[in-house]
Amino acid sequence: MYQCFGKDPLEPIIGLGDAGLPIAFFGRDPGREEVRHSEPFVGSGGQIVRKVLYRQLYGEPMPDFDAGLEAGRRFFWINTVPYKPIGNKAWSMKVKRRFHPLVRQLLVENWHGETIITLGREAFLWFGIDQPAAVRARLERFWRREDRFSASIEVELQAGDGPARRFTLYPLPHSSPLNQVWFKRFPVLLEERLRQLGA
């Protein structure tokens, strides 16, 4: 895929944004369109997120791709791994563990917000990697709750030897059209989250 678009496969696709932004979107990993544009969250699932954001911010439909990018500048964007996986399958736990310290550092040291909207199970459970068994079990139990897409849960992350920081996770299902169970309901769920957060 990288070769197809003339992109360097060693160049990470990291969204980030202004360190002072209050809300972050945390996803699984980049896909085909993210590689094409070297921007995160711009594939079919990311476009759904951006369309909801644009409508929430401006009260009208998103007119084009560039407008979606501009609306996204009000949020912090990050994935579990900043590279597209082969076959668009989720990265193995070994790979996620390898990138966990880097991504954790970006959240803990490079962003000052505390509110994270996670997209999908993989992104949500990432917060249990290298955590005590009790924390992992707590996250697993939360994910099994029927109200998980309207409730929230607090977690702590530490980067290196620095102090731990507390974050609040607001999980949502993955926004991909392949997620047939939740795809049609995703825009409404995101709108409700944004209202809940006063965005």
C-alpha atoms as a PDB file:
ATOM      1  CA  MET A   1       0.000   0.000   0.000  1.00  0.00           C
ATOM      2  CA  TYR A   2       2.806   2.409   0.830  1.00  0.00           C
ATOM      3  CA  GLN A   3       4.533   1.565  -2.448  1.00  0.00           C
ATOM      4  CA  CYS A   4       1.269   2.010  -4.338  1.00  0.00           C
ATOM      5  CA  PHE A   5       1.025   5.625  -3.155  1.00  0.00           C
ATOM      6  CA  GLY A   6       4.772   6.345  -3.330  1.00  0.00           C
ATOM      7  CA  LYS A   7       4.998   6.699   0.458  1.00  0.00           C
ATOM      8  CA  ASP A   8       7.823   5.748   2.789  1.00  0.00           C
ATOM      9  CA  PRO A   9       6.649   2.750   4.878  1.00  0.00           C
ATOM     10  CA  LEU A  10       8.961   3.872   7.697  1.00  0.00           C
ATOM     11  CA  GLU A  11       7.280   7.287   7.973  1.00  0.00           C
ATOM     12  CA  PRO A  12       4.756   7.186  10.845  1.00  0.00           C
ATOM     13  CA  ILE A  13       1.252   8.562  10.399  1.00  0.00           C
ATOM     14  CA  ILE A  14       0.703  10.505  13.603  1.00  0.00           C
ATOM     15  CA  GLY A  15      -2.061  13.085  13.891  1.00  0.00           C
ATOM     16  CA  LEU A  16      -1.544  14.734  17.266  1.00  0.00           C
ATOM     17  CA  GLY A  17      -2.427  18.433  17.310  1.00  0.00           C
ATOM     18  CA  ASP A  18      -2.156  21.372  19.688  1.00  0.00           C
ATOM     19  CA  ALA A  19      -1.087  20.146  23.148  1.00  0.00           C
ATOM     20  CA  GLY A  20      -3.796  22.298  24.764  1.00  0.00           C
ATOM     21  CA  LEU A  21      -6.721  20.668  22.940  1.00  0.00           C
ATOM     22  CA  PRO A  22      -9.131  19.199  25.507  1.00  0.00           C
ATOM     23  CA  ILE A  23     -10.393  16.101  23.638  1.00  0.00           C
ATOM     24  CA  ALA A  24      -8.456  13.315  21.916  1.00  0.00           C
ATOM     25  CA  PHE A  25      -9.653  10.648  19.504  1.00  0.00           C
ATOM     26  CA  PHE A  26      -7.819   7.365  19.959  1.00  0.00           C
ATOM     27  CA  GLY A  27      -8.084   4.744  17.206  1.00  0.00           C
ATOM     28  CA  ARG A  28      -6.596   1.411  16.210  1.00  0.00           C
ATOM     29  CA  ASP A  29      -4.223   2.163  13.317  1.00  0.00           C
ATOM     30  CA  PRO A  30      -4.056   3.909   9.927  1.00  0.00           C
ATOM     31  CA  GLY A  31      -5.650   2.437   6.804  1.00  0.00           C
ATOM     32  CA  ARG A  32      -5.385   2.840   3.033  1.00  0.00           C
ATOM     33  CA  GLU A  33      -6.579   6.458   2.817  1.00  0.00           C
ATOM     34  CA  GLU A  34      -4.428   7.473   5.757  1.00  0.00           C
ATOM     35  CA  VAL A  35      -1.411   6.190   3.830  1.00  0.00           C
ATOM     36  CA  ARG A  36      -2.553   7.985   0.658  1.00  0.00           C
ATOM     37  CA  HIS A  37      -2.983  11.362   2.405  1.00  0.00           C
ATOM     38  CA  SER A  38      -0.411  10.945   5.219  1.00  0.00           C
ATOM     39  CA  GLU A  39      -3.166  12.066   7.613  1.00  0.00           C
ATOM     40  CA  PRO A  40      -4.896  10.040  10.345  1.00  0.00           C
ATOM     41  CA  PHE A  41      -8.623   9.313  10.493  1.00  0.00           C
ATOM     42  CA  VAL A  42      -9.404  10.193   6.861  1.00  0.00           C
ATOM     43  CA  GLY A  43     -10.556   6.780   5.592  1.00  0.00           C
ATOM     44  CA  SER A  44     -14.206   5.732   5.463  1.00  0.00           C
ATOM     45  CA  GLY A  45     -14.459   5.433   9.268  1.00  0.00           C
ATOM     46  CA  GLY A  46     -12.525   8.627   9.898  1.00  0.00           C
ATOM     47  CA  GLN A  47     -14.701  10.541   7.418  1.00  0.00           C
ATOM     48  CA  ILE A  48     -17.780   9.537   9.398  1.00  0.00           C
ATOM     49  CA  VAL A  49     -16.153  10.927  12.557  1.00  0.00           C
ATOM     50  CA  ARG A  50     -15.201  14.149  10.767  1.00  0.00           C
ATOM     51  CA  LYS A  51     -18.687  14.607   9.254  1.00  0.00           C
ATOM     52  CA  VAL A  52     -20.257  14.353  12.712  1.00  0.00           C
ATOM     53  CA  LEU A  53     -17.663  16.781  14.124  1.00  0.00           C
ATOM     54  CA  TYR A  54     -18.270  19.278  11.338  1.00  0.00           C
ATOM     55  CA  ARG A  55     -22.059  19.149  11.766  1.00  0.00           C
ATOM     56  CA  GLN A  56     -21.672  19.508  15.546  1.00  0.00           C
ATOM     57  CA  LEU A  57     -19.312  22.480  15.199  1.00  0.00           C
ATOM     58  CA  TYR A  58     -20.969  24.356  12.324  1.00  0.00           C
ATOM     59  CA  GLY A  59     -24.559  23.092  12.178  1.00  0.00           C
ATOM     60  CA  GLU A  60     -24.387  22.056   8.521  1.00  0.00           C
ATOM     61  CA  PRO A  61     -23.113  19.121   6.425  1.00  0.00           C
ATOM     62  CA  MET A  62     -19.374  18.870   5.793  1.00  0.00           C
ATOM     63  CA  PRO A  63     -18.820  20.265   2.274  1.00  0.00           C
ATOM     64  CA  ASP A  64     -15.575  18.492   1.360  1.00  0.00           C
ATOM     65  CA  PHE A  65     -12.471  16.616   2.475  1.00  0.00           C
ATOM     66  CA  ASP A  66     -10.493  19.762   3.367  1.00  0.00           C
ATOM     67  CA  ALA A  67     -13.329  21.057   5.562  1.00  0.00           C
ATOM     68  CA  GLY A  68     -13.168  17.793   7.508  1.00  0.00           C
ATOM     69  CA  LEU A  69      -9.434  18.215   8.040  1.00  0.00           C
ATOM     70  CA  GLU A  70      -9.970  21.766   9.259  1.00  0.00           C
ATOM     71  CA  ALA A  71     -12.734  20.746  11.692  1.00  0.00           C
ATOM     72  CA  GLY A  72     -10.432  18.038  13.034  1.00  0.00           C
ATOM     73  CA  ARG A  73      -7.824  20.609  14.055  1.00  0.00           C
ATOM     74  CA  ARG A  74      -9.884  21.251  17.199  1.00  0.00           C
ATOM     75  CA  PHE A  75      -9.076  17.737  18.450  1.00  0.00           C
ATOM     76  CA  PHE A  76      -5.998  15.636  19.262  1.00  0.00           C
ATOM     77  CA  TRP A  77      -5.632  12.481  17.110  1.00  0.00           C
ATOM     78  CA  ILE A  78      -3.629   9.342  17.859  1.00  0.00           C
ATOM     79  CA  ASN A  79      -3.614   5.588  17.145  1.00  0.00           C
ATOM     80  CA  THR A  80      -2.285   2.536  18.972  1.00  0.00           C
ATOM     81  CA  VAL A  81       0.328   2.050  16.205  1.00  0.00           C
ATOM     82  CA  PRO A  82       1.268   4.765  13.664  1.00  0.00           C
ATOM     83  CA  TYR A  83       1.657   2.364  10.712  1.00  0.00           C
ATOM     84  CA  LYS A  84      -0.878   0.572   8.510  1.00  0.00           C
ATOM     85  CA  PRO A  85      -1.044  -3.162   9.224  1.00  0.00           C
ATOM     86  CA  ILE A  86      -0.804  -5.693   6.393  1.00  0.00           C
ATOM     87  CA  GLY A  87      -4.255  -6.710   5.194  1.00  0.00           C
ATOM     88  CA  ASN A  88      -5.827  -4.066   7.435  1.00  0.00           C
ATOM     89  CA  LYS A  89      -5.989  -6.574  10.308  1.00  0.00           C
ATOM     90  CA  ALA A  90      -5.319  -5.397  13.845  1.00  0.00           C
ATOM     91  CA  TRP A  91      -1.649  -5.414  14.807  1.00  0.00           C
ATOM     92  CA  SER A  92      -0.526  -8.279  17.035  1.00  0.00           C
ATOM     93  CA  MET A  93      -0.094  -7.682  20.763  1.00  0.00           C
ATOM     94  CA  LYS A  94       3.674  -7.933  20.218  1.00  0.00           C
ATOM     95  CA  VAL A  95       3.589  -4.960  17.838  1.00  0.00           C
ATOM     96  CA  LYS A  96       1.218  -2.945  20.032  1.00  0.00           C
ATOM     97  CA  ARG A  97       3.521  -3.563  23.000  1.00  0.00           C
ATOM     98  CA  ARG A  98       6.508  -2.393  20.966  1.00  0.00           C
ATOM     99  CA  PHE A  99       4.842   0.955  20.214  1.00  0.00           C
ATOM    100  CA  HIS A 100       3.093   1.308  23.572  1.00  0.00           C
ATOM    101  CA  PRO A 101       5.886   3.337  25.259  1.00  0.00           C
ATOM    102  CA  LEU A 102       5.997   5.836  22.370  1.00  0.00           C
ATOM    103  CA  VAL A 103       2.235   6.320  22.167  1.00  0.00           C
ATOM    104  CA  ARG A 104       1.970   6.479  25.962  1.00  0.00           C
ATOM    105  CA  GLN A 105       4.651   9.184  25.997  1.00  0.00           C
ATOM    106  CA  LEU A 106       2.794  11.191  23.337  1.00  0.00           C
ATOM    107  CA  LEU A 107      -0.357  11.116  25.456  1.00  0.00           C
ATOM    108  CA  VAL A 108       1.256  11.685  28.855  1.00  0.00           C
ATOM    109  CA  GLU A 109       3.953  14.215  27.957  1.00  0.00           C
ATOM    110  CA  ASN A 110       2.888  15.842  24.681  1.00  0.00           C
ATOM    111  CA  TRP A 111      -0.814  16.440  25.325  1.00  0.00           C
ATOM    112  CA  HIS A 112      -2.357  18.301  28.271  1.00  0.00           C
ATOM    113  CA  GLY A 113      -5.965  17.098  27.924  1.00  0.00           C
ATOM    114  CA  GLU A 114      -7.646  14.370  29.955  1.00  0.00           C
ATOM    115  CA  THR A 115     -10.657  13.365  27.819  1.00  0.00           C
ATOM    116  CA  ILE A 116     -10.167  10.524  25.316  1.00  0.00           C
ATOM    117  CA  ILE A 117     -12.812   9.151  22.953  1.00  0.00           C
ATOM    118  CA  THR A 118     -11.665   5.636  22.056  1.00  0.00           C
ATOM    119  CA  LEU A 119     -12.872   4.078  18.799  1.00  0.00           C
ATOM    120  CA  GLY A 120     -13.396   0.333  19.054  1.00  0.00           C
ATOM    121  CA  ARG A 121     -12.420  -2.450  21.422  1.00  0.00           C
ATOM    122  CA  GLU A 122      -8.746  -2.595  20.344  1.00  0.00           C
ATOM    123  CA  ALA A 123      -8.220   1.096  21.109  1.00  0.00           C
ATOM    124  CA  PHE A 124     -10.055   0.898  24.440  1.00  0.00           C
ATOM    125  CA  LEU A 125      -8.206  -2.171  25.724  1.00  0.00           C
ATOM    126  CA  TRP A 126      -4.855  -0.647  24.683  1.00  0.00           C
ATOM    127  CA  PHE A 127      -5.025   1.250  27.994  1.00  0.00           C
ATOM    128  CA  GLY A 128      -4.579  -2.056  29.827  1.00  0.00           C
ATOM    129  CA  ILE A 129      -1.302  -2.995  28.121  1.00  0.00           C
ATOM    130  CA  ASP A 130       1.542  -3.331  30.650  1.00  0.00           C
ATOM    131  CA  GLN A 131      -0.862  -2.509  33.471  1.00  0.00           C
ATOM    132  CA  PRO A 132      -1.530  -4.694  36.540  1.00  0.00           C
ATOM    133  CA  ALA A 133      -3.951  -7.594  36.023  1.00  0.00           C
ATOM    134  CA  ALA A 134      -6.587  -5.808  38.124  1.00  0.00           C
ATOM    135  CA  VAL A 135      -6.569  -2.817  35.752  1.00  0.00           C
ATOM    136  CA  ARG A 136      -6.863  -5.043  32.683  1.00  0.00           C
ATOM    137  CA  ALA A 137      -9.738  -6.959  34.294  1.00  0.00           C
ATOM    138  CA  ARG A 138     -11.480  -3.690  35.180  1.00  0.00           C
ATOM    139  CA  LEU A 139     -11.273  -2.524  31.557  1.00  0.00           C
ATOM    140  CA  GLU A 140     -12.519  -5.890  30.258  1.00  0.00           C
ATOM    141  CA  ARG A 141     -15.489  -5.772  32.650  1.00  0.00           C
ATOM    142  CA  PHE A 142     -16.291  -2.230  31.587  1.00  0.00           C
ATOM    143  CA  TRP A 143     -16.230  -3.210  27.895  1.00  0.00           C
ATOM    144  CA  ARG A 144     -18.795  -5.952  28.579  1.00  0.00           C
ATOM    145  CA  ARG A 145     -21.236  -3.448  30.089  1.00  0.00           C
ATOM    146  CA  GLU A 146     -24.299  -2.592  28.009  1.00  0.00           C
ATOM    147  CA  ASP A 147     -23.913   1.115  28.808  1.00  0.00           C
ATOM    148  CA  ARG A 148     -20.224   1.285  27.773  1.00  0.00           C
ATOM    149  CA  PHE A 149     -20.976   3.746  24.941  1.00  0.00           C
ATOM    150  CA  SER A 150     -22.623   6.237  27.281  1.00  0.00           C
ATOM    151  CA  ALA A 151     -20.552   5.691  30.459  1.00  0.00           C
ATOM    152  CA  SER A 152     -16.898   6.568  31.117  1.00  0.00           C
ATOM    153  CA  ILE A 153     -13.971   5.104  33.039  1.00  0.00           C
ATOM    154  CA  GLU A 154     -10.801   6.632  34.505  1.00  0.00           C
ATOM    155  CA  VAL A 155      -7.324   5.213  33.894  1.00  0.00           C
ATOM    156  CA  GLU A 156      -3.779   6.219  34.813  1.00  0.00           C
ATOM    157  CA  LEU A 157      -0.812   6.222  32.437  1.00  0.00           C
ATOM    158  CA  GLN A 158       2.831   6.811  33.189  1.00  0.00           C
ATOM    159  CA  ALA A 159       5.619   7.579  30.717  1.00  0.00           C
ATOM    160  CA  GLY A 160       9.047   6.427  31.862  1.00  0.00           C
ATOM    161  CA  ASP A 161       9.864   7.527  35.391  1.00  0.00           C
ATOM    162  CA  GLY A 162       7.617  10.581  35.244  1.00  0.00           C
ATOM    163  CA  PRO A 163       4.458  11.054  37.284  1.00  0.00           C
ATOM    164  CA  ALA A 164       1.322   9.165  36.287  1.00  0.00           C
ATOM    165  CA  ARG A 165      -1.502  11.114  34.691  1.00  0.00           C
ATOM    166  CA  ARG A 166      -5.198  10.385  34.954  1.00  0.00           C
ATOM    167  CA  PHE A 167      -7.374  10.204  31.833  1.00  0.00           C
ATOM    168  CA  THR A 168     -11.077   9.597  31.339  1.00  0.00           C
ATOM    169  CA  LEU A 169     -12.023   7.219  28.531  1.00  0.00           C
ATOM    170  CA  TYR A 170     -15.289   7.635  26.652  1.00  0.00           C
ATOM    171  CA  PRO A 171     -15.490   4.525  24.484  1.00  0.00           C
ATOM    172  CA  LEU A 172     -17.378   4.238  21.208  1.00  0.00           C
ATOM    173  CA  PRO A 173     -17.558   1.392  18.695  1.00  0.00           C
ATOM    174  CA  HIS A 174     -15.209   1.392  15.720  1.00  0.00           C
ATOM    175  CA  SER A 175     -16.590   3.733  13.047  1.00  0.00           C
ATOM    176  CA  SER A 176     -15.701   1.471  10.107  1.00  0.00           C
ATOM    177  CA  PRO A 177     -18.470   0.478   7.655  1.00  0.00           C
ATOM    178  CA  LEU A 178     -17.243  -3.101   8.206  1.00  0.00           C
ATOM    179  CA  ASN A 179     -18.562  -2.915  11.775  1.00  0.00           C
ATOM    180  CA  GLN A 180     -22.088  -3.876  10.744  1.00  0.00           C
ATOM    181  CA  VAL A 181     -23.386  -4.179  14.304  1.00  0.00           C
ATOM    182  CA  TRP A 182     -22.693  -0.521  15.200  1.00  0.00           C
ATOM    183  CA  PHE A 183     -22.015   1.297  11.919  1.00  0.00           C
ATOM    184  CA  LYS A 184     -25.489   2.791  11.455  1.00  0.00           C
ATOM    185  CA  ARG A 185     -25.715   3.868  15.088  1.00  0.00           C
ATOM    186  CA  PHE A 186     -22.207   5.337  15.291  1.00  0.00           C
ATOM    187  CA  PRO A 187     -23.039   8.942  14.207  1.00  0.00           C
ATOM    188  CA  VAL A 188     -25.752   9.241  16.868  1.00  0.00           C
ATOM    189  CA  LEU A 189     -23.485   7.721  19.530  1.00  0.00           C
ATOM    190  CA  LEU A 190     -20.709  10.199  18.660  1.00  0.00           C
ATOM    191  CA  GLU A 191     -23.143  13.129  18.683  1.00  0.00           C
ATOM    192  CA  GLU A 192     -24.303  12.069  22.153  1.00  0.00           C
ATOM    193  CA  ARG A 193     -20.698  11.825  23.363  1.00  0.00           C
ATOM    194  CA  LEU A 194     -19.866  15.274  22.014  1.00  0.00           C
ATOM    195  CA  ARG A 195     -22.917  16.762  23.734  1.00  0.00           C
ATOM    196  CA  GLN A 196     -21.988  14.923  26.932  1.00  0.00           C
ATOM    197  CA  LEU A 197     -18.519  16.510  26.746  1.00  0.00           C
ATOM    198  CA  GLY A 198     -19.788  19.961  25.791  1.00  0.00           C
ATOM    199  CA  ALA A 199     -17.800  19.908  22.552  1.00  0.00           C
END
